[in-house]
C-alpha atoms as a PDB file:
ATOM      1  CA  MET A   1     108.565  85.983 114.659  1.00  0.00           C
ATOM      2  CA  ASN A   2     108.502  89.762 114.551  1.00  0.00           C
ATOM      3  CA  LYS A   3     109.273  89.908 118.298  1.00  0.00           C
ATOM      4  CA  ARG A   4     112.210  87.507 118.130  1.00  0.00           C
ATOM      5  CA  TYR A   5     114.285  88.183 115.009  1.00  0.00           C
ATOM      6  CA  PRO A   6     115.683  91.273 113.243  1.00  0.00           C
ATOM      7  CA  VAL A   7     114.404  92.158 109.791  1.00  0.00           C
ATOM      8  CA  GLU A   8     117.174  90.431 107.807  1.00  0.00           C
ATOM      9  CA  GLU A   9     116.412  87.078 109.464  1.00  0.00           C
ATOM     10  CA  ARG A  10     112.642  87.232 109.361  1.00  0.00           C
ATOM     11  CA  SER A  11     111.579  86.023 105.894  1.00  0.00           C
ATOM     12  CA  VAL A  12     112.979  82.516 106.135  1.00  0.00           C
ATOM     13  CA  ARG A  13     111.482  81.968 109.593  1.00  0.00           C
ATOM     14  CA  ILE A  14     108.061  83.220 108.556  1.00  0.00           C
ATOM     15  CA  ALA A  15     108.396  80.983 105.492  1.00  0.00           C
ATOM     16  CA  VAL A  16     108.968  77.962 107.741  1.00  0.00           C
ATOM     17  CA  VAL A  17     105.689  78.681 109.543  1.00  0.00           C
ATOM     18  CA  LEU A  18     103.655  79.473 106.431  1.00  0.00           C
ATOM     19  CA  ALA A  19     105.160  76.571 104.509  1.00  0.00           C
ATOM     20  CA  SER A  20     103.512  74.317 107.045  1.00  0.00           C
ATOM     21  CA  ALA A  21     100.215  75.151 105.342  1.00  0.00           C
ATOM     22  CA  THR A  22     101.714  73.867 102.098  1.00  0.00           C
ATOM     23  CA  ALA A  23     103.076  70.788 103.821  1.00  0.00           C
ATOM     24  CA  SER A  24      99.639  70.157 105.331  1.00  0.00           C
ATOM     25  CA  GLY A  25      98.297  69.865 101.796  1.00  0.00           C
ATOM     26  CA  ALA A  26     100.754  67.065 101.127  1.00  0.00           C
ATOM     27  CA  PHE A  27     100.009  65.323 104.423  1.00  0.00           C
ATOM     28  CA  GLY A  28      96.297  65.912 103.887  1.00  0.00           C
ATOM     29  CA  GLY A  29      96.495  64.180 100.529  1.00  0.00           C
ATOM     30  CA  CYS A  30      98.313  61.214 102.064  1.00  0.00           C
ATOM     31  CA  ILE A  31      95.849  60.993 104.952  1.00  0.00           C
ATOM     32  CA  ALA A  32      92.869  61.270 102.610  1.00  0.00           C
ATOM     33  CA  TYR A  33      94.335  58.503 100.460  1.00  0.00           C
ATOM     34  CA  GLY A  34      94.622  56.208 103.476  1.00  0.00           C
ATOM     35  CA  VAL A  35      91.274  57.238 104.924  1.00  0.00           C
ATOM     36  CA  GLY A  36      89.661  56.423 101.618  1.00  0.00           C
ATOM     37  CA  HIS A  37      90.360  52.781 102.422  1.00  0.00           C
ATOM     38  CA  LEU A  38      88.808  53.133 105.900  1.00  0.00           C
ATOM     39  CA  ASN A  39      85.390  54.006 104.557  1.00  0.00           C
ATOM     40  CA  GLY A  40      82.899  51.866 106.459  1.00  0.00           C
ATOM     41  CA  SER A  41      85.331  50.767 109.173  1.00  0.00           C
ATOM     42  CA  ALA A  42      83.731  50.702 112.635  1.00  0.00           C
ATOM     43  CA  GLY A  43      80.546  51.845 110.965  1.00  0.00           C
ATOM     44  CA  LEU A  44      81.996  55.284 110.117  1.00  0.00           C
ATOM     45  CA  GLU A  45      82.216  56.954 106.734  1.00  0.00           C
ATOM     46  CA  GLY A  46      85.608  57.957 105.381  1.00  0.00           C
ATOM     47  CA  PHE A  47      85.075  61.665 105.923  1.00  0.00           C
ATOM     48  CA  ARG A  48      84.313  61.045 109.610  1.00  0.00           C
ATOM     49  CA  TRP A  49      87.599  59.192 110.013  1.00  0.00           C
ATOM     50  CA  LEU A  50      89.339  62.133 108.329  1.00  0.00           C
ATOM     51  CA  PHE A  51      87.872  64.591 110.849  1.00  0.00           C
ATOM     52  CA  ILE A  52      88.762  62.315 113.762  1.00  0.00           C
ATOM     53  CA  ILE A  53      92.394  61.817 112.726  1.00  0.00           C
ATOM     54  CA  GLU A  54      93.086  65.442 111.838  1.00  0.00           C
ATOM     55  CA  GLY A  55      91.206  66.644 114.920  1.00  0.00           C
ATOM     56  CA  ILE A  56      93.322  64.497 117.254  1.00  0.00           C
ATOM     57  CA  ILE A  57      96.524  65.806 115.669  1.00  0.00           C
ATOM     58  CA  THR A  58      95.323  69.405 116.078  1.00  0.00           C
ATOM     59  CA  VAL A  59      94.298  68.994 119.723  1.00  0.00           C
ATOM     60  CA  LEU A  60      97.604  67.355 120.656  1.00  0.00           C
ATOM     61  CA  SER A  61      99.519  70.169 118.943  1.00  0.00           C
ATOM     62  CA  VAL A  62      97.831  72.776 121.125  1.00  0.00           C
ATOM     63  CA  ALA A  63      99.624  71.533 124.230  1.00  0.00           C
ATOM     64  CA  LEU A  64     102.997  71.886 122.523  1.00  0.00           C
ATOM     65  CA  VAL A  65     102.242  75.494 121.559  1.00  0.00           C
ATOM     66  CA  VAL A  66     101.020  76.452 125.044  1.00  0.00           C
ATOM     67  CA  PHE A  67     104.059  75.100 126.870  1.00  0.00           C
ATOM     68  CA  LEU A  68     106.852  75.557 124.313  1.00  0.00           C
ATOM     69  CA  LEU A  69     106.068  78.876 122.568  1.00  0.00           C
ATOM     70  CA  PRO A  70     106.498  81.927 124.848  1.00  0.00           C
ATOM     71  CA  ASP A  71     104.827  85.140 123.704  1.00  0.00           C
ATOM     72  CA  TYR A  72     108.068  87.115 124.093  1.00  0.00           C
ATOM     73  CA  PRO A  73     111.772  86.180 124.548  1.00  0.00           C
ATOM     74  CA  ALA A  74     111.880  87.813 127.998  1.00  0.00           C
ATOM     75  CA  ARG A  75     109.334  85.223 129.195  1.00  0.00           C
ATOM     76  CA  ALA A  76     111.116  82.206 127.724  1.00  0.00           C
ATOM     77  CA  LYS A  77     111.957  79.835 130.579  1.00  0.00           C
ATOM     78  CA  PHE A  78     114.562  78.003 128.514  1.00  0.00           C
ATOM     79  CA  LEU A  79     116.697  81.162 128.079  1.00  0.00           C
ATOM     80  CA  ASN A  80     119.017  82.531 130.737  1.00  0.00           C
ATOM     81  CA  ASP A  81     119.243  86.250 131.510  1.00  0.00           C
ATOM     82  CA  ASP A  82     122.170  86.829 129.146  1.00  0.00           C
ATOM     83  CA  ASP A  83     120.338  85.131 126.265  1.00  0.00           C
ATOM     84  CA  LYS A  84     117.192  87.160 126.896  1.00  0.00           C
ATOM     85  CA  LYS A  85     119.166  90.410 126.917  1.00  0.00           C
ATOM     86  CA  TYR A  86     120.986  89.409 123.704  1.00  0.00           C
ATOM     87  CA  VAL A  87     117.715  88.714 121.872  1.00  0.00           C
ATOM     88  CA  GLN A  88     116.063  91.924 123.063  1.00  0.00           C
ATOM     89  CA  ASP A  89     119.108  94.033 122.187  1.00  0.00           C
ATOM     90  CA  ARG A  90     119.120  92.646 118.636  1.00  0.00           C
ATOM     91  CA  ILE A  91     115.441  93.434 118.205  1.00  0.00           C
ATOM     92  CA  ALA A  92     115.926  96.916 119.628  1.00  0.00           C
ATOM     93  CA  VAL A  93     118.553  97.682 116.965  1.00  0.00           C
ATOM     94  CA  LYS A  94     117.095  95.899 113.933  1.00  0.00           C
ATOM     95  CA  GLY A  95     113.544  95.040 114.907  1.00  0.00           C
ATOM     96  CA  GLY A  96     111.774  97.341 112.486  1.00  0.00           C
ATOM     97  CA  GLY A  97     110.224 100.227 114.393  1.00  0.00           C
ATOM     98  CA  TYR A  98     110.925  98.714 117.818  1.00  0.00           C
ATOM     99  CA  THR A  99     109.442 100.452 120.845  1.00  0.00           C
ATOM    100  CA  LYS A 100     107.970  99.369 124.179  1.00  0.00           C
ATOM    101  CA  GLU A 101     105.376 102.139 124.126  1.00  0.00           C
ATOM    102  CA  HIS A 102     101.761 101.670 123.087  1.00  0.00           C
ATOM    103  CA  ALA A 103     100.936 102.495 119.500  1.00  0.00           C
ATOM    104  CA  SER A 104      99.734 106.066 119.095  1.00  0.00           C
ATOM    105  CA  LYS A 105      96.709 107.061 117.028  1.00  0.00           C
ATOM    106  CA  HIS A 106      99.026 108.610 114.458  1.00  0.00           C
ATOM    107  CA  GLU A 107     101.040 105.407 114.120  1.00  0.00           C
ATOM    108  CA  LEU A 108      97.893 103.336 113.662  1.00  0.00           C
ATOM    109  CA  LEU A 109      96.588 105.670 110.959  1.00  0.00           C
ATOM    110  CA  GLN A 110      99.979 105.693 109.273  1.00  0.00           C
ATOM    111  CA  THR A 111     100.053 101.902 109.236  1.00  0.00           C
ATOM    112  CA  VAL A 112      96.502 101.610 107.892  1.00  0.00           C
ATOM    113  CA  CYS A 113      96.476 104.475 105.394  1.00  0.00           C
ATOM    114  CA  SER A 114     100.043 105.010 104.211  1.00  0.00           C
ATOM    115  CA  PRO A 115     101.093 103.039 101.101  1.00  0.00           C
ATOM    116  CA  ARG A 116     103.979 100.696 101.902  1.00  0.00           C
ATOM    117  CA  LEU A 117     105.214  98.592 100.699  1.00  0.00           C
ATOM    118  CA  GLY A 118      90.200  62.232  84.903  1.00  0.00           C
ATOM    119  CA  PHE A 119      91.195  60.091  87.953  1.00  0.00           C
ATOM    120  CA  ASP A 120      89.312  58.292  90.671  1.00  0.00           C
ATOM    121  CA  SER A 121      88.968  60.192  93.900  1.00  0.00           C
ATOM    122  CA  ILE A 122      91.444  58.149  95.949  1.00  0.00           C
ATOM    123  CA  LYS A 123      94.190  58.345  93.323  1.00  0.00           C
ATOM    124  CA  ALA A 124      93.487  62.054  92.865  1.00  0.00           C
ATOM    125  CA  GLN A 125      94.114  62.586  96.595  1.00  0.00           C
ATOM    126  CA  LEU A 126      97.488  60.893  96.309  1.00  0.00           C
ATOM    127  CA  MET A 127      98.432  62.970  93.267  1.00  0.00           C
ATOM    128  CA  THR A 128      97.928  66.186  95.208  1.00  0.00           C
ATOM    129  CA  VAL A 129     100.979  65.346  97.326  1.00  0.00           C
ATOM    130  CA  PRO A 130     103.884  66.123  94.890  1.00  0.00           C
ATOM    131  CA  PRO A 131     102.824  69.731  94.093  1.00  0.00           C
ATOM    132  CA  TRP A 132     102.370  70.486  97.795  1.00  0.00           C
ATOM    133  CA  VAL A 133     105.757  68.987  98.649  1.00  0.00           C
ATOM    134  CA  LEU A 134     107.464  71.108  95.985  1.00  0.00           C
ATOM    135  CA  GLY A 135     105.611  74.188  97.237  1.00  0.00           C
ATOM    136  CA  TYR A 136     106.812  73.494 100.785  1.00  0.00           C
ATOM    137  CA  PHE A 137     110.496  73.305  99.883  1.00  0.00           C
ATOM    138  CA  PHE A 138     110.219  76.234  97.482  1.00  0.00           C
ATOM    139  CA  SER A 139     108.678  78.306 100.303  1.00  0.00           C
ATOM    140  CA  LEU A 140     111.672  77.596 102.504  1.00  0.00           C
ATOM    141  CA  PHE A 141     114.127  78.357  99.701  1.00  0.00           C
ATOM    142  CA  LEU A 142     112.421  81.633  98.780  1.00  0.00           C
ATOM    143  CA  GLY A 143     112.382  82.841 102.395  1.00  0.00           C
ATOM    144  CA  TRP A 144     116.051  81.931 102.854  1.00  0.00           C
ATOM    145  CA  SER A 145     117.092  83.612  99.604  1.00  0.00           C
ATOM    146  CA  ALA A 146     115.052  86.761 100.334  1.00  0.00           C
ATOM    147  CA  ASP A 147     116.835  87.175 103.663  1.00  0.00           C
ATOM    148  CA  ARG A 148     120.257  86.314 102.286  1.00  0.00           C
ATOM    149  CA  HIS A 149     120.053  88.875  99.475  1.00  0.00           C
ATOM    150  CA  ASN A 150     117.833  91.335 101.355  1.00  0.00           C
ATOM    151  CA  ALA A 151     115.678  91.657  98.235  1.00  0.00           C
ATOM    152  CA  ARG A 152     112.157  90.627  99.169  1.00  0.00           C
ATOM    153  CA  GLY A 153     110.360  92.517  96.420  1.00  0.00           C
ATOM    154  CA  LEU A 154     112.240  90.735  93.632  1.00  0.00           C
ATOM    155  CA  HIS A 155     111.577  87.341  95.189  1.00  0.00           C
ATOM    156  CA  ILE A 156     107.872  88.078  95.568  1.00  0.00           C
ATOM    157  CA  PHE A 157     107.752  89.219  91.942  1.00  0.00           C
ATOM    158  CA  GLY A 158     109.494  86.081  90.667  1.00  0.00           C
ATOM    159  CA  SER A 159     107.289  83.747  92.689  1.00  0.00           C
ATOM    160  CA  SER A 160     104.149  85.537  91.534  1.00  0.00           C
ATOM    161  CA  ILE A 161     105.233  85.196  87.888  1.00  0.00           C
ATOM    162  CA  LEU A 162     105.648  81.427  88.330  1.00  0.00           C
ATOM    163  CA  GLY A 163     102.190  81.198  89.838  1.00  0.00           C
ATOM    164  CA  ALA A 164     100.671  83.299  87.070  1.00  0.00           C
ATOM    165  CA  ILE A 165     102.251  81.077  84.420  1.00  0.00           C
ATOM    166  CA  GLY A 166     100.795  78.013  86.105  1.00  0.00           C
ATOM    167  CA  TRP A 167      97.264  79.323  86.563  1.00  0.00           C
ATOM    168  CA  VAL A 168      96.956  81.002  83.164  1.00  0.00           C
ATOM    169  CA  THR A 169      98.405  78.036  81.290  1.00  0.00           C
ATOM    170  CA  ALA A 170      96.293  75.500  83.177  1.00  0.00           C
ATOM    171  CA  GLY A 171      93.174  77.546  82.464  1.00  0.00           C
ATOM    172  CA  SER A 172      94.036  77.891  78.771  1.00  0.00           C
ATOM    173  CA  LEU A 173      94.765  74.227  78.070  1.00  0.00           C
ATOM    174  CA  PRO A 174      92.045  71.870  76.822  1.00  0.00           C
ATOM    175  CA  ALA A 175      90.024  70.177  79.532  1.00  0.00           C
ATOM    176  CA  ASP A 176      91.407  66.754  78.570  1.00  0.00           C
ATOM    177  CA  ALA A 177      95.083  67.833  78.666  1.00  0.00           C
ATOM    178  CA  TYR A 178      95.455  66.117  82.026  1.00  0.00           C
ATOM    179  CA  THR A 179      99.230  65.659  82.061  1.00  0.00           C
ATOM    180  CA  ALA A 180     100.052  69.210  80.978  1.00  0.00           C
ATOM    181  CA  ARG A 181      97.558  70.710  83.424  1.00  0.00           C
ATOM    182  CA  TYR A 182      98.960  68.575  86.234  1.00  0.00           C
ATOM    183  CA  VAL A 183     102.470  69.838  85.461  1.00  0.00           C
ATOM    184  CA  MET A 184     101.156  73.393  85.706  1.00  0.00           C
ATOM    185  CA  LEU A 185     100.072  72.661  89.280  1.00  0.00           C
ATOM    186  CA  PHE A 186     103.757  72.575  90.217  1.00  0.00           C
ATOM    187  CA  PHE A 187     104.141  76.126  88.890  1.00  0.00           C
ATOM    188  CA  CYS A 188     101.040  77.144  90.844  1.00  0.00           C
ATOM    189  CA  ALA A 189     102.468  75.636  94.015  1.00  0.00           C
ATOM    190  CA  CYS A 190     105.633  77.718  93.560  1.00  0.00           C
ATOM    191  CA  GLY A 191     103.594  80.903  93.284  1.00  0.00           C
ATOM    192  CA  ALA A 192     100.533  80.542  95.487  1.00  0.00           C
ATOM    193  CA  PHE A 193     102.131  80.315  98.940  1.00  0.00           C
ATOM    194  CA  PRO A 194     105.938  80.812  98.826  1.00  0.00           C
ATOM    195  CA  SER A 195     105.743  84.593  98.430  1.00  0.00           C
ATOM    196  CA  SER A 196     103.736  84.902 101.677  1.00  0.00           C
ATOM    197  CA  GLY A 197     106.835  84.613 103.875  1.00  0.00           C
ATOM    198  CA  PRO A 198     108.908  87.387 102.263  1.00  0.00           C
ATOM    199  CA  LEU A 199     105.772  89.530 101.876  1.00  0.00           C
ATOM    200  CA  SER A 200     104.883  89.286 105.564  1.00  0.00           C
ATOM    201  CA  ALA A 201     108.488  90.049 106.511  1.00  0.00           C
ATOM    202  CA  TRP A 202     108.549  92.981 104.078  1.00  0.00           C
ATOM    203  CA  VAL A 203     105.427  94.461 105.673  1.00  0.00           C
ATOM    204  CA  THR A 204     106.828  94.187 109.207  1.00  0.00           C
ATOM    205  CA  CYS A 205     110.049  95.878 108.097  1.00  0.00           C
ATOM    206  CA  ASN A 206     108.155  99.000 107.022  1.00  0.00           C
ATOM    207  CA  VAL A 207     105.822  99.786 109.899  1.00  0.00           C
ATOM    208  CA  PRO A 208     106.263 103.032 111.857  1.00  0.00           C
ATOM    209  CA  ALA A 209     106.431 101.278 115.238  1.00  0.00           C
ATOM    210  CA  PHE A 210     106.964  97.830 116.694  1.00  0.00           C
ATOM    211  CA  THR A 211     103.517  97.917 118.272  1.00  0.00           C
ATOM    212  CA  THR A 212     101.782  98.266 114.895  1.00  0.00           C
ATOM    213  CA  MET A 213     103.259  95.101 113.404  1.00  0.00           C
ATOM    214  CA  ALA A 214     100.213  93.046 114.379  1.00  0.00           C
ATOM    215  CA  ILE A 215      97.692  95.238 112.585  1.00  0.00           C
ATOM    216  CA  ALA A 216      99.966  95.623 109.547  1.00  0.00           C
ATOM    217  CA  THR A 217     100.395  91.847 109.292  1.00  0.00           C
ATOM    218  CA  ALA A 218      96.655  91.290 109.739  1.00  0.00           C
ATOM    219  CA  MET A 219      95.839  93.780 106.991  1.00  0.00           C
ATOM    220  CA  ASN A 220      98.333  92.136 104.673  1.00  0.00           C
ATOM    221  CA  ASN A 221      96.949  88.640 105.297  1.00  0.00           C
ATOM    222  CA  SER A 222      93.325  89.778 105.041  1.00  0.00           C
ATOM    223  CA  MET A 223      93.851  90.809 101.430  1.00  0.00           C
ATOM    224  CA  ALA A 224      93.618  87.117 100.536  1.00  0.00           C
ATOM    225  CA  GLY A 225      89.998  87.224 101.682  1.00  0.00           C
ATOM    226  CA  ILE A 226      89.210  90.001  99.205  1.00  0.00           C
ATOM    227  CA  SER A 227      90.626  87.872  96.389  1.00  0.00           C
ATOM    228  CA  GLN A 228      88.096  85.170  97.255  1.00  0.00           C
ATOM    229  CA  ILE A 229      85.273  87.660  96.639  1.00  0.00           C
ATOM    230  CA  ILE A 230      86.731  88.490  93.228  1.00  0.00           C
ATOM    231  CA  ALA A 231      87.231  84.816  92.395  1.00  0.00           C
ATOM    232  CA  GLN A 232      83.502  84.096  92.778  1.00  0.00           C
ATOM    233  CA  TRP A 233      82.621  86.482  89.944  1.00  0.00           C
ATOM    234  CA  ILE A 234      85.619  86.284  87.624  1.00  0.00           C
ATOM    235  CA  TRP A 235      84.443  83.320  85.550  1.00  0.00           C
ATOM    236  CA  ARG A 236      82.645  83.936  82.303  1.00  0.00           C
ATOM    237  CA  PRO A 237      79.268  82.204  81.925  1.00  0.00           C
ATOM    238  CA  THR A 238      79.323  79.115  79.711  1.00  0.00           C
END
């Protein structure tokens, strides 16, 4: 995305890609619901059918990516020379630190160190679908709005507040408040993933050079891994 679109068009397109993870939660819930009824079919347990079905879908998708997703507009076979020049000229003007040179040691250090910016299991699987669906469409809306208003920080802040409300409220409610806690999942879905698109776009808009976008994006995304370490130790003993 960073190599194809200028900064003011990047959030919504990154959101489309990242929202697919949210959509996969909805599809995963639907598939798991159906697979739950296949348990024992052909002598296979339900979880084996789940791996088989999702594995086939993944393998078939690889071919589409290999043949239909060029690594750079200049290598896109479906674009003519004028289209390729148009895309590259746009990136050169508004690509966010665009350059064809290799990243220097100073640029790498600057990028790394400088501060920038109560149900049964089958029914439970089906009930995971609505929050994921809402999260998917909210991801697309947030990315579109962030680009339209060129205000990614405010959108990230608002989405994070919604997520915080959902998680804190769900954790504070009684364990048997099933309906209220389920409603809070919709708030969580609007805060957990939707801000990823504008945040990734925001990071790529503030790198010192085009060639450092990859490491900046990787650093940004890797922060989620650190949160998993914290999450293992945050709970009070009961």
